[in-house]
Amino acid sequence: MTRALAAIVALLVVAPARADHGVGGGAGSAAMSPLVTALLWAVAAFLVGIALVAIVTVLTRRRPSQPHDG
């Protein structure tokens, strides 16, 4: 009984969500080409990689040791 109720609730929640495939206008009517999409993802991945390298570099930077007064 609980599984059936969970399935019905899930269907009621998910059912209104529809993908916009450009039928009848809408946001997807002027879709980007796959090449442009791939290039945008590549640029985004590159920027994330640069940010990660910068963060790791800052966190692992060695600080100069203080001179010891003997």
PDB file of N, CA and C in Angstrom:
ATOM      1  N   MET A   1       0.820  -1.192   0.000  1.00  0.00           N
ATOM      2  CA  MET A   1       0.000   0.000   0.000  1.00  0.00           C
ATOM      3  C   MET A   1       0.863   1.254   0.000  1.00  0.00           C
ATOM      4  N   THR A   2       1.918   1.253   0.787  1.00  0.00           N
ATOM      5  CA  THR A   2       2.784   2.419   0.880  1.00  0.00           C
ATOM      6  C   THR A   2       3.518   2.660  -0.435  1.00  0.00           C
ATOM      7  N   ARG A   3       3.946   1.580  -1.096  1.00  0.00           N
ATOM      8  CA  ARG A   3       4.627   1.727  -2.389  1.00  0.00           C
ATOM      9  C   ARG A   3       3.708   2.326  -3.433  1.00  0.00           C
ATOM     10  N   ALA A   4       2.468   1.880  -3.439  1.00  0.00           N
ATOM     11  CA  ALA A   4       1.513   2.404  -4.412  1.00  0.00           C
ATOM     12  C   ALA A   4       1.247   3.876  -4.160  1.00  0.00           C
ATOM     13  N   LEU A   5       1.125   4.256  -2.900  1.00  0.00           N
ATOM     14  CA  LEU A   5       0.907   5.657  -2.554  1.00  0.00           C
ATOM     15  C   LEU A   5       2.110   6.506  -2.937  1.00  0.00           C
ATOM     16  N   ALA A   6       3.312   5.988  -2.692  1.00  0.00           N
ATOM     17  CA  ALA A   6       4.527   6.712  -3.062  1.00  0.00           C
ATOM     18  C   ALA A   6       4.625   6.870  -4.575  1.00  0.00           C
ATOM     19  N   ALA A   7       4.239   5.828  -5.314  1.00  0.00           N
ATOM     20  CA  ALA A   7       4.281   5.909  -6.773  1.00  0.00           C
ATOM     21  C   ALA A   7       3.276   6.924  -7.298  1.00  0.00           C
ATOM     22  N   ILE A   8       2.094   6.965  -6.710  1.00  0.00           N
ATOM     23  CA  ILE A   8       1.077   7.935  -7.147  1.00  0.00           C
ATOM     24  C   ILE A   8       1.532   9.351  -6.853  1.00  0.00           C
ATOM     25  N   VAL A   9       2.091   9.574  -5.664  1.00  0.00           N
ATOM     26  CA  VAL A   9       2.585  10.911  -5.310  1.00  0.00           C
ATOM     27  C   VAL A   9       3.710  11.316  -6.249  1.00  0.00           C
ATOM     28  N   ALA A  10       4.618  10.386  -6.544  1.00  0.00           N
ATOM     29  CA  ALA A  10       5.726  10.702  -7.451  1.00  0.00           C
ATOM     30  C   ALA A  10       5.205  11.053  -8.839  1.00  0.00           C
ATOM     31  N   LEU A  11       4.230  10.325  -9.326  1.00  0.00           N
ATOM     32  CA  LEU A  11       3.666  10.623 -10.645  1.00  0.00           C
ATOM     33  C   LEU A  11       2.953  11.976 -10.663  1.00  0.00           C
ATOM     34  N   LEU A  12       2.273  12.299  -9.593  1.00  0.00           N
ATOM     35  CA  LEU A  12       1.584  13.591  -9.540  1.00  0.00           C
ATOM     36  C   LEU A  12       2.567  14.755  -9.486  1.00  0.00           C
ATOM     37  N   VAL A  13       3.694  14.538  -8.836  1.00  0.00           N
ATOM     38  CA  VAL A  13       4.700  15.601  -8.742  1.00  0.00           C
ATOM     39  C   VAL A  13       5.453  15.750 -10.052  1.00  0.00           C
ATOM     40  N   VAL A  14       5.777  14.633 -10.692  1.00  0.00           N
ATOM     41  CA  VAL A  14       6.601  14.658 -11.901  1.00  0.00           C
ATOM     42  C   VAL A  14       5.771  14.968 -13.145  1.00  0.00           C
ATOM     43  N   ALA A  15       4.530  14.591 -13.178  1.00  0.00           N
ATOM     44  CA  ALA A  15       3.704  14.728 -14.373  1.00  0.00           C
ATOM     45  C   ALA A  15       3.625  16.159 -14.918  1.00  0.00           C
ATOM     46  N   PRO A  16       3.486  17.195 -14.097  1.00  0.00           N
ATOM     47  CA  PRO A  16       3.384  18.547 -14.667  1.00  0.00           C
ATOM     48  C   PRO A  16       4.673  19.042 -15.313  1.00  0.00           C
ATOM     49  N   ALA A  17       5.791  18.471 -14.964  1.00  0.00           N
ATOM     50  CA  ALA A  17       7.060  18.931 -15.517  1.00  0.00           C
ATOM     51  C   ALA A  17       7.217  18.399 -16.934  1.00  0.00           C
ATOM     52  N   ARG A  18       7.219  19.294 -17.897  1.00  0.00           N
ATOM     53  CA  ARG A  18       7.389  18.900 -19.295  1.00  0.00           C
ATOM     54  C   ARG A  18       8.620  19.591 -19.859  1.00  0.00           C
ATOM     55  N   ALA A  19       9.307  18.908 -20.739  1.00  0.00           N
ATOM     56  CA  ALA A  19      10.472  19.509 -21.385  1.00  0.00           C
ATOM     57  C   ALA A  19      10.011  20.417 -22.509  1.00  0.00           C
ATOM     58  N   ASP A  20      10.741  21.498 -22.711  1.00  0.00           N
ATOM     59  CA  ASP A  20      10.433  22.417 -23.795  1.00  0.00           C
ATOM     60  C   ASP A  20      11.251  22.005 -25.014  1.00  0.00           C
ATOM     61  N   HIS A  21      10.596  21.406 -25.973  1.00  0.00           N
ATOM     62  CA  HIS A  21      11.287  20.952 -27.174  1.00  0.00           C
ATOM     63  C   HIS A  21      11.041  21.867 -28.356  1.00  0.00           C
ATOM     64  N   GLY A  22      10.595  23.063 -28.089  1.00  0.00           N
ATOM     65  CA  GLY A  22      10.412  24.015 -29.154  1.00  0.00           C
ATOM     66  C   GLY A  22       9.122  23.866 -29.918  1.00  0.00           C
ATOM     67  N   VAL A  23       8.215  23.047 -29.440  1.00  0.00           N
ATOM     68  CA  VAL A  23       6.934  22.871 -30.123  1.00  0.00           C
ATOM     69  C   VAL A  23       6.055  24.072 -29.798  1.00  0.00           C
ATOM     70  N   GLY A  24       5.659  24.791 -30.818  1.00  0.00           N
ATOM     71  CA  GLY A  24       4.798  25.949 -30.590  1.00  0.00           C
ATOM     72  C   GLY A  24       5.533  27.132 -30.009  1.00  0.00           C
ATOM     73  N   GLY A  25       6.791  27.284 -30.332  1.00  0.00           N
ATOM     74  CA  GLY A  25       7.558  28.408 -29.787  1.00  0.00           C
ATOM     75  C   GLY A  25       8.129  28.051 -28.430  1.00  0.00           C
ATOM     76  N   GLY A  26       8.362  29.040 -27.622  1.00  0.00           N
ATOM     77  CA  GLY A  26       8.913  28.796 -26.294  1.00  0.00           C
ATOM     78  C   GLY A  26      10.408  29.021 -26.269  1.00  0.00           C
ATOM     79  N   ALA A  27      10.996  28.706 -25.147  1.00  0.00           N
ATOM     80  CA  ALA A  27      12.411  28.985 -24.941  1.00  0.00           C
ATOM     81  C   ALA A  27      13.303  28.124 -25.832  1.00  0.00           C
ATOM     82  N   GLY A  28      12.848  26.938 -26.197  1.00  0.00           N
ATOM     83  CA  GLY A  28      13.690  26.035 -26.966  1.00  0.00           C
ATOM     84  C   GLY A  28      13.540  26.167 -28.463  1.00  0.00           C
ATOM     85  N   SER A  29      12.826  27.179 -28.923  1.00  0.00           N
ATOM     86  CA  SER A  29      12.584  27.275 -30.354  1.00  0.00           C
ATOM     87  C   SER A  29      13.845  27.660 -31.126  1.00  0.00           C
ATOM     88  N   ALA A  30      14.762  28.367 -30.503  1.00  0.00           N
ATOM     89  CA  ALA A  30      16.009  28.745 -31.168  1.00  0.00           C
ATOM     90  C   ALA A  30      17.150  27.996 -30.493  1.00  0.00           C
ATOM     91  N   ALA A  31      17.219  26.708 -30.719  1.00  0.00           N
ATOM     92  CA  ALA A  31      18.212  25.870 -30.056  1.00  0.00           C
ATOM     93  C   ALA A  31      19.607  26.162 -30.599  1.00  0.00           C
ATOM     94  N   MET A  32      20.605  26.032 -29.725  1.00  0.00           N
ATOM     95  CA  MET A  32      21.988  26.224 -30.140  1.00  0.00           C
ATOM     96  C   MET A  32      22.468  24.970 -30.854  1.00  0.00           C
ATOM     97  N   SER A  33      23.465  25.158 -31.685  1.00  0.00           N
ATOM     98  CA  SER A  33      24.020  23.996 -32.373  1.00  0.00           C
ATOM     99  C   SER A  33      24.833  23.175 -31.374  1.00  0.00           C
ATOM    100  N   PRO A  34      24.980  21.898 -31.636  1.00  0.00           N
ATOM    101  CA  PRO A  34      25.763  21.047 -30.731  1.00  0.00           C
ATOM    102  C   PRO A  34      27.216  21.505 -30.595  1.00  0.00           C
ATOM    103  N   LEU A  35      27.760  22.083 -31.656  1.00  0.00           N
ATOM    104  CA  LEU A  35      29.137  22.563 -31.595  1.00  0.00           C
ATOM    105  C   LEU A  35      29.267  23.712 -30.610  1.00  0.00           C
ATOM    106  N   VAL A  36      28.339  24.652 -30.647  1.00  0.00           N
ATOM    107  CA  VAL A  36      28.375  25.786 -29.727  1.00  0.00           C
ATOM    108  C   VAL A  36      28.192  25.295 -28.298  1.00  0.00           C
ATOM    109  N   THR A  37      27.284  24.367 -28.092  1.00  0.00           N
ATOM    110  CA  THR A  37      27.066  23.818 -26.759  1.00  0.00           C
ATOM    111  C   THR A  37      28.329  23.134 -26.238  1.00  0.00           C
ATOM    112  N   ALA A  38      28.989  22.362 -27.081  1.00  0.00           N
ATOM    113  CA  ALA A  38      30.215  21.681 -26.679  1.00  0.00           C
ATOM    114  C   ALA A  38      31.314  22.683 -26.344  1.00  0.00           C
ATOM    115  N   LEU A  39      31.417  23.736 -27.143  1.00  0.00           N
ATOM    116  CA  LEU A  39      32.434  24.752 -26.864  1.00  0.00           C
ATOM    117  C   LEU A  39      32.159  25.482 -25.555  1.00  0.00           C
ATOM    118  N   LEU A  40      30.903  25.780 -25.268  1.00  0.00           N
ATOM    119  CA  LEU A  40      30.569  26.435 -24.012  1.00  0.00           C
ATOM    120  C   LEU A  40      30.891  25.542 -22.817  1.00  0.00           C
ATOM    121  N   TRP A  41      30.581  24.245 -22.932  1.00  0.00           N
ATOM    122  CA  TRP A  41      30.918  23.324 -21.852  1.00  0.00           C
ATOM    123  C   TRP A  41      32.429  23.195 -21.683  1.00  0.00           C
ATOM    124  N   ALA A  42      33.163  23.206 -22.787  1.00  0.00           N
ATOM    125  CA  ALA A  42      34.621  23.111 -22.705  1.00  0.00           C
ATOM    126  C   ALA A  42      35.202  24.332 -22.006  1.00  0.00           C
ATOM    127  N   VAL A  43      34.698  25.508 -22.339  1.00  0.00           N
ATOM    128  CA  VAL A  43      35.172  26.735 -21.692  1.00  0.00           C
ATOM    129  C   VAL A  43      34.835  26.707 -20.205  1.00  0.00           C
ATOM    130  N   ALA A  44      33.623  26.265 -19.875  1.00  0.00           N
ATOM    131  CA  ALA A  44      33.225  26.195 -18.466  1.00  0.00           C
ATOM    132  C   ALA A  44      34.114  25.214 -17.699  1.00  0.00           C
ATOM    133  N   ALA A  45      34.401  24.064 -18.287  1.00  0.00           N
ATOM    134  CA  ALA A  45      35.262  23.078 -17.632  1.00  0.00           C
ATOM    135  C   ALA A  45      36.675  23.616 -17.463  1.00  0.00           C
ATOM    136  N   PHE A  46      37.169  24.340 -18.455  1.00  0.00           N
ATOM    137  CA  PHE A  46      38.500  24.932 -18.378  1.00  0.00           C
ATOM    138  C   PHE A  46      38.574  25.955 -17.242  1.00  0.00           C
ATOM    139  N   LEU A  47      37.546  26.793 -17.124  1.00  0.00           N
ATOM    140  CA  LEU A  47      37.534  27.799 -16.059  1.00  0.00           C
ATOM    141  C   LEU A  47      37.443  27.155 -14.676  1.00  0.00           C
ATOM    142  N   VAL A  48      36.673  26.096 -14.566  1.00  0.00           N
ATOM    143  CA  VAL A  48      36.599  25.385 -13.290  1.00  0.00           C
ATOM    144  C   VAL A  48      37.952  24.767 -12.958  1.00  0.00           C
ATOM    145  N   GLY A  49      38.617  24.219 -13.954  1.00  0.00           N
ATOM    146  CA  GLY A  49      39.946  23.650 -13.734  1.00  0.00           C
ATOM    147  C   GLY A  49      40.946  24.689 -13.275  1.00  0.00           C
ATOM    148  N   ILE A  50      40.924  25.863 -13.898  1.00  0.00           N
ATOM    149  CA  ILE A  50      41.823  26.952 -13.484  1.00  0.00           C
ATOM    150  C   ILE A  50      41.531  27.359 -12.047  1.00  0.00           C
ATOM    151  N   ALA A  51      40.257  27.463 -11.716  1.00  0.00           N
ATOM    152  CA  ALA A  51      39.895  27.845 -10.348  1.00  0.00           C
ATOM    153  C   ALA A  51      40.379  26.813  -9.342  1.00  0.00           C
ATOM    154  N   LEU A  52      40.226  25.530  -9.672  1.00  0.00           N
ATOM    155  CA  LEU A  52      40.687  24.482  -8.761  1.00  0.00           C
ATOM    156  C   LEU A  52      42.201  24.514  -8.573  1.00  0.00           C
ATOM    157  N   VAL A  53      42.935  24.714  -9.650  1.00  0.00           N
ATOM    158  CA  VAL A  53      44.393  24.800  -9.539  1.00  0.00           C
ATOM    159  C   VAL A  53      44.786  25.997  -8.684  1.00  0.00           C
ATOM    160  N   ALA A  54      44.120  27.131  -8.872  1.00  0.00           N
ATOM    161  CA  ALA A  54      44.434  28.318  -8.081  1.00  0.00           C
ATOM    162  C   ALA A  54      44.139  28.086  -6.600  1.00  0.00           C
ATOM    163  N   ILE A  55      43.025  27.449  -6.304  1.00  0.00           N
ATOM    164  CA  ILE A  55      42.662  27.191  -4.903  1.00  0.00           C
ATOM    165  C   ILE A  55      43.651  26.234  -4.256  1.00  0.00           C
ATOM    166  N   VAL A  56      43.998  25.153  -4.959  1.00  0.00           N
ATOM    167  CA  VAL A  56      44.955  24.190  -4.414  1.00  0.00           C
ATOM    168  C   VAL A  56      46.315  24.846  -4.229  1.00  0.00           C
ATOM    169  N   THR A  57      46.716  25.692  -5.158  1.00  0.00           N
ATOM    170  CA  THR A  57      47.997  26.384  -5.044  1.00  0.00           C
ATOM    171  C   THR A  57      48.022  27.289  -3.822  1.00  0.00           C
ATOM    172  N   VAL A  58      46.965  28.014  -3.586  1.00  0.00           N
ATOM    173  CA  VAL A  58      46.908  28.905  -2.425  1.00  0.00           C
ATOM    174  C   VAL A  58      46.890  28.105  -1.125  1.00  0.00           C
ATOM    175  N   LEU A  59      46.142  27.008  -1.097  1.00  0.00           N
ATOM    176  CA  LEU A  59      46.030  26.233   0.130  1.00  0.00           C
ATOM    177  C   LEU A  59      47.293  25.450   0.467  1.00  0.00           C
ATOM    178  N   THR A  60      48.075  25.088  -0.522  1.00  0.00           N
ATOM    179  CA  THR A  60      49.271  24.283  -0.267  1.00  0.00           C
ATOM    180  C   THR A  60      50.557  25.097  -0.338  1.00  0.00           C
ATOM    181  N   ARG A  61      50.439  26.397  -0.421  1.00  0.00           N
ATOM    182  CA  ARG A  61      51.621  27.257  -0.524  1.00  0.00           C
ATOM    183  C   ARG A  61      52.432  27.173   0.769  1.00  0.00           C
ATOM    184  N   ARG A  62      53.739  27.067   0.622  1.00  0.00           N
ATOM    185  CA  ARG A  62      54.612  27.037   1.787  1.00  0.00           C
ATOM    186  C   ARG A  62      54.927  28.475   2.195  1.00  0.00           C
ATOM    187  N   ARG A  63      54.835  28.683   3.473  1.00  0.00           N
ATOM    188  CA  ARG A  63      55.137  30.026   3.996  1.00  0.00           C
ATOM    189  C   ARG A  63      56.622  30.064   4.362  1.00  0.00           C
ATOM    190  N   PRO A  64      57.237  31.204   4.176  1.00  0.00           N
ATOM    191  CA  PRO A  64      58.667  31.286   4.524  1.00  0.00           C
ATOM    192  C   PRO A  64      58.851  31.086   6.033  1.00  0.00           C
ATOM    193  N   SER A  65      59.885  30.322   6.369  1.00  0.00           N
ATOM    194  CA  SER A  65      60.131  30.055   7.789  1.00  0.00           C
ATOM    195  C   SER A  65      60.706  31.308   8.438  1.00  0.00           C
ATOM    196  N   GLN A  66      60.349  31.498   9.680  1.00  0.00           N
ATOM    197  CA  GLN A  66      60.831  32.660  10.431  1.00  0.00           C
ATOM    198  C   GLN A  66      62.253  32.394  10.913  1.00  0.00           C
ATOM    199  N   PRO A  67      63.113  33.403  10.856  1.00  0.00           N
ATOM    200  CA  PRO A  67      64.477  33.200  11.373  1.00  0.00           C
ATOM    201  C   PRO A  67      64.442  33.038  12.897  1.00  0.00           C
ATOM    202  N   HIS A  68      65.280  32.140  13.370  1.00  0.00           N
ATOM    203  CA  HIS A  68      65.339  31.878  14.815  1.00  0.00           C
ATOM    204  C   HIS A  68      66.388  32.781  15.454  1.00  0.00           C
ATOM    205  N   ASP A  69      65.956  33.464  16.487  1.00  0.00           N
ATOM    206  CA  ASP A  69      66.906  34.281  17.254  1.00  0.00           C
ATOM    207  C   ASP A  69      67.566  33.381  18.294  1.00  0.00           C
ATOM    208  N   GLY A  70      68.827  33.085  18.081  1.00  0.00           N
ATOM    209  CA  GLY A  70      69.581  32.117  18.793  1.00  0.00           C
ATOM    210  C   GLY A  70      69.831  32.340  20.176  1.00  0.00           C
TER     211      GLY A  70
END
